[in-house]
């Protein structure tokens, strides 16, 4: 069975920087700092950055439990 890109579940969809900032209710500068510190993984597609929601949530879990 072939899946079409538009049929991705919302949790599988890649998020933009703006969407991650809105989701986390943080400023782009904070997201940038977390990226540079290696706290939030990202994917670079050309010049665009994308984030997997599950990885963002996992990063939050690590930060909130003092592991990150």
Protein backbone atom coordinates (compact mmCIF):
# COMPACT_ATOMS: atom_id res chain seq x y z
CA UNK A 1 0.00 0.00 0.00
CA UNK A 2 1.46 3.30 -1.07
CA UNK A 3 1.02 6.34 1.14
CA UNK A 4 0.66 9.83 -0.24
CA UNK A 5 2.53 12.69 1.49
CA UNK A 6 -0.71 14.51 2.22
CA UNK A 7 -1.96 11.49 4.15
CA UNK A 8 0.70 11.87 6.86
CA UNK A 9 -0.60 11.87 10.40
CA UNK A 10 -0.30 15.28 12.05
CA UNK A 11 2.32 13.95 14.48
CA UNK A 12 4.47 12.78 11.53
CA UNK A 13 4.32 16.12 9.70
CA UNK A 14 7.51 18.18 9.79
CA UNK A 15 7.16 21.51 11.56
CA UNK A 16 8.68 24.83 10.52
CA UNK A 17 10.62 27.04 12.90
CA UNK A 18 7.58 29.28 13.28
CA UNK A 19 5.32 26.34 14.06
CA UNK A 20 7.72 25.04 16.71
CA UNK A 21 7.95 28.48 18.30
CA UNK A 22 4.17 28.77 18.36
CA UNK A 23 3.78 25.22 19.69
CA UNK A 24 6.31 25.81 22.49
CA UNK A 25 5.29 29.46 22.99
CA UNK A 26 8.87 30.64 22.71
CA UNK A 27 10.66 33.26 20.63
CA UNK A 28 12.74 32.28 17.59
CA UNK A 29 15.88 33.39 19.46
CA UNK A 30 15.21 30.75 22.15
CA UNK A 31 14.68 28.02 19.54
CA UNK A 32 17.93 29.07 17.87
CA UNK A 33 19.80 28.86 21.20
CA UNK A 34 18.40 25.40 21.91
CA UNK A 35 19.40 24.25 18.40
CA UNK A 36 22.93 25.58 18.82
CA UNK A 37 23.21 23.83 22.19
CA UNK A 38 22.09 20.57 20.58
CA UNK A 39 18.97 20.37 22.73
CA UNK A 40 16.43 20.23 19.90
CA UNK A 41 17.22 18.13 16.81
CA UNK A 42 16.37 19.49 13.39
CA UNK A 43 16.52 18.58 9.73
CA UNK A 44 18.03 20.89 7.14
CA UNK A 45 16.34 20.73 3.74
CA UNK A 46 18.15 23.14 1.47
CA UNK A 47 18.10 26.38 3.45
CA UNK A 48 14.94 25.43 5.37
CA UNK A 49 14.92 23.90 8.82
CA UNK A 50 12.27 21.37 9.84
CA UNK A 51 11.51 19.64 13.12
CA UNK A 52 9.79 16.36 13.97
CA UNK A 53 7.11 16.92 16.60
CA UNK A 54 8.04 13.70 18.43
CA UNK A 55 11.68 14.81 18.67
CA UNK A 56 10.68 18.25 19.94
CA UNK A 57 8.49 16.65 22.60
CA UNK A 58 11.28 14.23 23.56
CA UNK A 59 13.70 17.16 23.89
CA UNK A 60 11.24 18.92 26.18
CA UNK A 61 10.96 15.79 28.31
CA UNK A 62 14.76 15.63 28.62
CA UNK A 63 14.98 19.32 29.56
CA UNK A 64 12.14 19.15 32.08
CA UNK A 65 13.55 16.11 33.86
CA UNK A 66 17.00 17.66 34.12
CA UNK A 67 18.59 15.11 31.78
CA UNK A 68 19.38 17.56 28.94
